[in-house]
Amino acid sequence: MHAKRWADLSSRQQRLVVAGAVAESVLKAVALADLARRPASQVRGPKPLWALALTLLNSLGAAPIIYWLYGRKTT
């Protein structure tokens, strides 16, 4: 079995891939902006590790969602 190329996808599938990439990019950007503004005392774990995970993990949105649910301390 071979991997599909972009040209092999239907136009609907191509739009879904682009929409997913945009959604993931927005989630990551918002999470990274929040992380940059938030004091280290309000973050569970080291901020550089969160930044690394948010930046490098291609997670279908899981890394930013985990940051929002677990990584931030509530006051």
N, C-alpha and C. Protein backbone atom coordinates (compact mmCIF):
# COMPACT_ATOMS: atom_id res chain seq x y z
N MET A 1 0.84 -1.17 0.00
CA MET A 1 0.00 0.00 0.00
C MET A 1 0.90 1.24 0.00
N HIS A 2 0.59 2.19 -0.83
CA HIS A 2 1.38 3.41 -0.89
C HIS A 2 0.60 4.58 -0.29
N ALA A 3 1.32 5.55 0.18
CA ALA A 3 0.69 6.73 0.76
C ALA A 3 0.07 7.56 -0.36
N LYS A 4 -1.05 8.17 -0.06
CA LYS A 4 -1.71 9.03 -1.05
C LYS A 4 -0.94 10.33 -1.20
N ARG A 5 -0.88 10.79 -2.41
CA ARG A 5 -0.30 12.10 -2.67
C ARG A 5 -1.42 13.12 -2.63
N TRP A 6 -1.05 14.39 -2.53
CA TRP A 6 -2.02 15.47 -2.47
C TRP A 6 -2.98 15.39 -3.67
N ALA A 7 -2.45 15.14 -4.84
CA ALA A 7 -3.26 15.09 -6.05
C ALA A 7 -4.24 13.91 -6.03
N ASP A 8 -3.95 12.88 -5.23
CA ASP A 8 -4.83 11.72 -5.15
C ASP A 8 -6.06 11.98 -4.29
N LEU A 9 -6.01 13.02 -3.47
CA LEU A 9 -7.12 13.33 -2.57
C LEU A 9 -8.21 14.07 -3.32
N SER A 10 -9.45 13.85 -2.90
CA SER A 10 -10.56 14.60 -3.49
C SER A 10 -10.47 16.04 -3.00
N SER A 11 -11.18 16.94 -3.65
CA SER A 11 -11.14 18.34 -3.22
C SER A 11 -11.69 18.48 -1.81
N ARG A 12 -12.68 17.67 -1.43
CA ARG A 12 -13.22 17.70 -0.06
C ARG A 12 -12.15 17.28 0.94
N GLN A 13 -11.42 16.22 0.63
CA GLN A 13 -10.35 15.76 1.52
C GLN A 13 -9.25 16.81 1.63
N GLN A 14 -8.92 17.44 0.55
CA GLN A 14 -7.90 18.50 0.58
C GLN A 14 -8.35 19.65 1.47
N ARG A 15 -9.62 20.05 1.36
CA ARG A 15 -10.14 21.14 2.21
C ARG A 15 -10.11 20.74 3.68
N LEU A 16 -10.43 19.47 3.98
CA LEU A 16 -10.40 19.01 5.37
C LEU A 16 -8.98 19.03 5.93
N VAL A 17 -8.01 18.63 5.13
CA VAL A 17 -6.61 18.66 5.57
C VAL A 17 -6.18 20.10 5.84
N VAL A 18 -6.51 21.00 4.96
CA VAL A 18 -6.14 22.42 5.14
C VAL A 18 -6.84 22.98 6.38
N ALA A 19 -8.14 22.69 6.54
CA ALA A 19 -8.87 23.18 7.71
C ALA A 19 -8.26 22.64 9.01
N GLY A 20 -7.88 21.37 9.01
CA GLY A 20 -7.24 20.79 10.19
C GLY A 20 -5.91 21.45 10.50
N ALA A 21 -5.13 21.72 9.47
CA ALA A 21 -3.83 22.38 9.67
C ALA A 21 -4.01 23.79 10.21
N VAL A 22 -5.00 24.50 9.69
CA VAL A 22 -5.27 25.86 10.18
C VAL A 22 -5.72 25.81 11.64
N ALA A 23 -6.63 24.89 11.96
CA ALA A 23 -7.11 24.77 13.34
C ALA A 23 -5.96 24.44 14.29
N GLU A 24 -5.11 23.51 13.91
CA GLU A 24 -3.96 23.16 14.76
C GLU A 24 -3.04 24.36 14.95
N SER A 25 -2.79 25.10 13.88
CA SER A 25 -1.91 26.27 13.95
C SER A 25 -2.48 27.33 14.88
N VAL A 26 -3.78 27.56 14.80
CA VAL A 26 -4.42 28.55 15.67
C VAL A 26 -4.34 28.10 17.12
N LEU A 27 -4.66 26.84 17.38
CA LEU A 27 -4.58 26.32 18.76
C LEU A 27 -3.17 26.48 19.33
N LYS A 28 -2.16 26.14 18.53
CA LYS A 28 -0.78 26.25 18.99
C LYS A 28 -0.39 27.70 19.23
N ALA A 29 -0.77 28.58 18.33
CA ALA A 29 -0.41 29.99 18.47
C ALA A 29 -1.04 30.60 19.72
N VAL A 30 -2.30 30.29 19.96
CA VAL A 30 -2.98 30.84 21.14
C VAL A 30 -2.36 30.28 22.42
N ALA A 31 -2.07 28.98 22.44
CA ALA A 31 -1.46 28.37 23.62
C ALA A 31 -0.06 28.94 23.87
N LEU A 32 0.73 29.12 22.80
CA LEU A 32 2.08 29.67 22.97
C LEU A 32 2.03 31.13 23.44
N ALA A 33 1.08 31.90 22.93
CA ALA A 33 0.93 33.29 23.37
C ALA A 33 0.56 33.35 24.84
N ASP A 34 -0.36 32.49 25.26
CA ASP A 34 -0.74 32.44 26.67
C ASP A 34 0.45 32.03 27.54
N LEU A 35 1.18 31.03 27.09
CA LEU A 35 2.35 30.56 27.83
C LEU A 35 3.39 31.67 27.98
N ALA A 36 3.60 32.44 26.93
CA ALA A 36 4.59 33.51 26.98
C ALA A 36 4.19 34.61 27.97
N ARG A 37 2.90 34.90 28.06
CA ARG A 37 2.43 35.97 28.96
C ARG A 37 2.24 35.50 30.39
N ARG A 38 2.04 34.22 30.60
CA ARG A 38 1.72 33.68 31.93
C ARG A 38 2.99 33.54 32.76
N PRO A 39 2.97 34.02 34.01
CA PRO A 39 4.13 33.83 34.89
C PRO A 39 4.40 32.34 35.14
N ALA A 40 5.65 32.00 35.32
CA ALA A 40 6.04 30.60 35.54
C ALA A 40 5.33 30.00 36.74
N SER A 41 5.00 30.81 37.73
CA SER A 41 4.32 30.30 38.92
C SER A 41 2.90 29.84 38.62
N GLN A 42 2.37 30.23 37.49
CA GLN A 42 1.01 29.83 37.11
C GLN A 42 0.99 28.73 36.05
N VAL A 43 2.14 28.07 35.86
CA VAL A 43 2.24 26.99 34.88
C VAL A 43 2.71 25.73 35.61
N ARG A 44 2.03 24.62 35.34
CA ARG A 44 2.47 23.34 35.91
C ARG A 44 3.62 22.82 35.07
N GLY A 45 4.77 22.71 35.67
CA GLY A 45 5.95 22.23 34.95
C GLY A 45 6.73 23.39 34.35
N PRO A 46 7.87 23.09 33.78
CA PRO A 46 8.73 24.13 33.22
C PRO A 46 8.16 24.71 31.91
N LYS A 47 8.15 26.02 31.83
CA LYS A 47 7.64 26.68 30.63
C LYS A 47 8.39 26.27 29.36
N PRO A 48 9.73 26.14 29.41
CA PRO A 48 10.42 25.73 28.17
C PRO A 48 9.98 24.36 27.66
N LEU A 49 9.67 23.45 28.58
CA LEU A 49 9.21 22.13 28.17
C LEU A 49 7.84 22.21 27.51
N TRP A 50 6.94 23.03 28.07
CA TRP A 50 5.64 23.23 27.46
C TRP A 50 5.80 23.86 26.07
N ALA A 51 6.67 24.85 25.97
CA ALA A 51 6.89 25.51 24.67
C ALA A 51 7.42 24.51 23.65
N LEU A 52 8.33 23.67 24.06
CA LEU A 52 8.88 22.66 23.17
C LEU A 52 7.79 21.67 22.72
N ALA A 53 7.00 21.21 23.66
CA ALA A 53 5.93 20.27 23.32
C ALA A 53 4.90 20.91 22.39
N LEU A 54 4.52 22.15 22.70
CA LEU A 54 3.53 22.82 21.86
C LEU A 54 4.06 23.09 20.46
N THR A 55 5.35 23.34 20.35
CA THR A 55 5.93 23.68 19.06
C THR A 55 6.21 22.45 18.22
N LEU A 56 6.76 21.40 18.82
CA LEU A 56 7.25 20.27 18.04
C LEU A 56 6.25 19.14 17.82
N LEU A 57 5.31 18.98 18.72
CA LEU A 57 4.39 17.86 18.58
C LEU A 57 3.31 18.16 17.55
N ASN A 58 3.21 17.31 16.56
CA ASN A 58 2.13 17.37 15.60
C ASN A 58 1.03 16.49 16.17
N SER A 59 0.08 17.10 16.84
CA SER A 59 -0.78 16.36 17.74
C SER A 59 -2.26 16.41 17.43
N LEU A 60 -2.63 16.94 16.27
CA LEU A 60 -4.05 17.12 15.95
C LEU A 60 -4.75 17.92 17.05
N GLY A 61 -4.04 18.87 17.61
CA GLY A 61 -4.62 19.74 18.62
C GLY A 61 -4.51 19.24 20.04
N ALA A 62 -3.99 18.03 20.25
CA ALA A 62 -3.95 17.45 21.60
C ALA A 62 -3.01 18.22 22.53
N ALA A 63 -1.83 18.59 22.06
CA ALA A 63 -0.88 19.28 22.94
C ALA A 63 -1.44 20.62 23.44
N PRO A 64 -2.01 21.47 22.57
CA PRO A 64 -2.58 22.71 23.09
C PRO A 64 -3.75 22.46 24.04
N ILE A 65 -4.57 21.47 23.74
CA ILE A 65 -5.71 21.18 24.61
C ILE A 65 -5.22 20.68 25.97
N ILE A 66 -4.20 19.84 25.99
CA ILE A 66 -3.63 19.37 27.26
C ILE A 66 -3.06 20.54 28.04
N TYR A 67 -2.39 21.49 27.34
CA TYR A 67 -1.88 22.67 28.02
C TYR A 67 -3.02 23.45 28.67
N TRP A 68 -4.10 23.69 27.92
CA TRP A 68 -5.22 24.47 28.45
C TRP A 68 -5.90 23.77 29.62
N LEU A 69 -5.99 22.45 29.58
CA LEU A 69 -6.69 21.73 30.64
C LEU A 69 -5.81 21.40 31.84
N TYR A 70 -4.53 21.10 31.59
CA TYR A 70 -3.66 20.63 32.67
C TYR A 70 -2.50 21.59 32.98
N GLY A 71 -1.92 22.19 31.96
CA GLY A 71 -0.69 22.95 32.15
C GLY A 71 -0.84 24.26 32.87
N ARG A 72 -2.03 24.85 32.80
CA ARG A 72 -2.24 26.14 33.46
C ARG A 72 -2.83 25.92 34.84
N LYS A 73 -2.30 26.63 35.80
CA LYS A 73 -2.85 26.56 37.16
C LYS A 73 -4.01 27.53 37.25
N THR A 74 -5.07 27.10 37.89
CA THR A 74 -6.21 27.99 38.09
C THR A 74 -6.02 28.73 39.41
N THR A 75 -6.46 29.94 39.42
CA THR A 75 -6.29 30.76 40.64
C THR A 75 -7.46 30.65 41.55
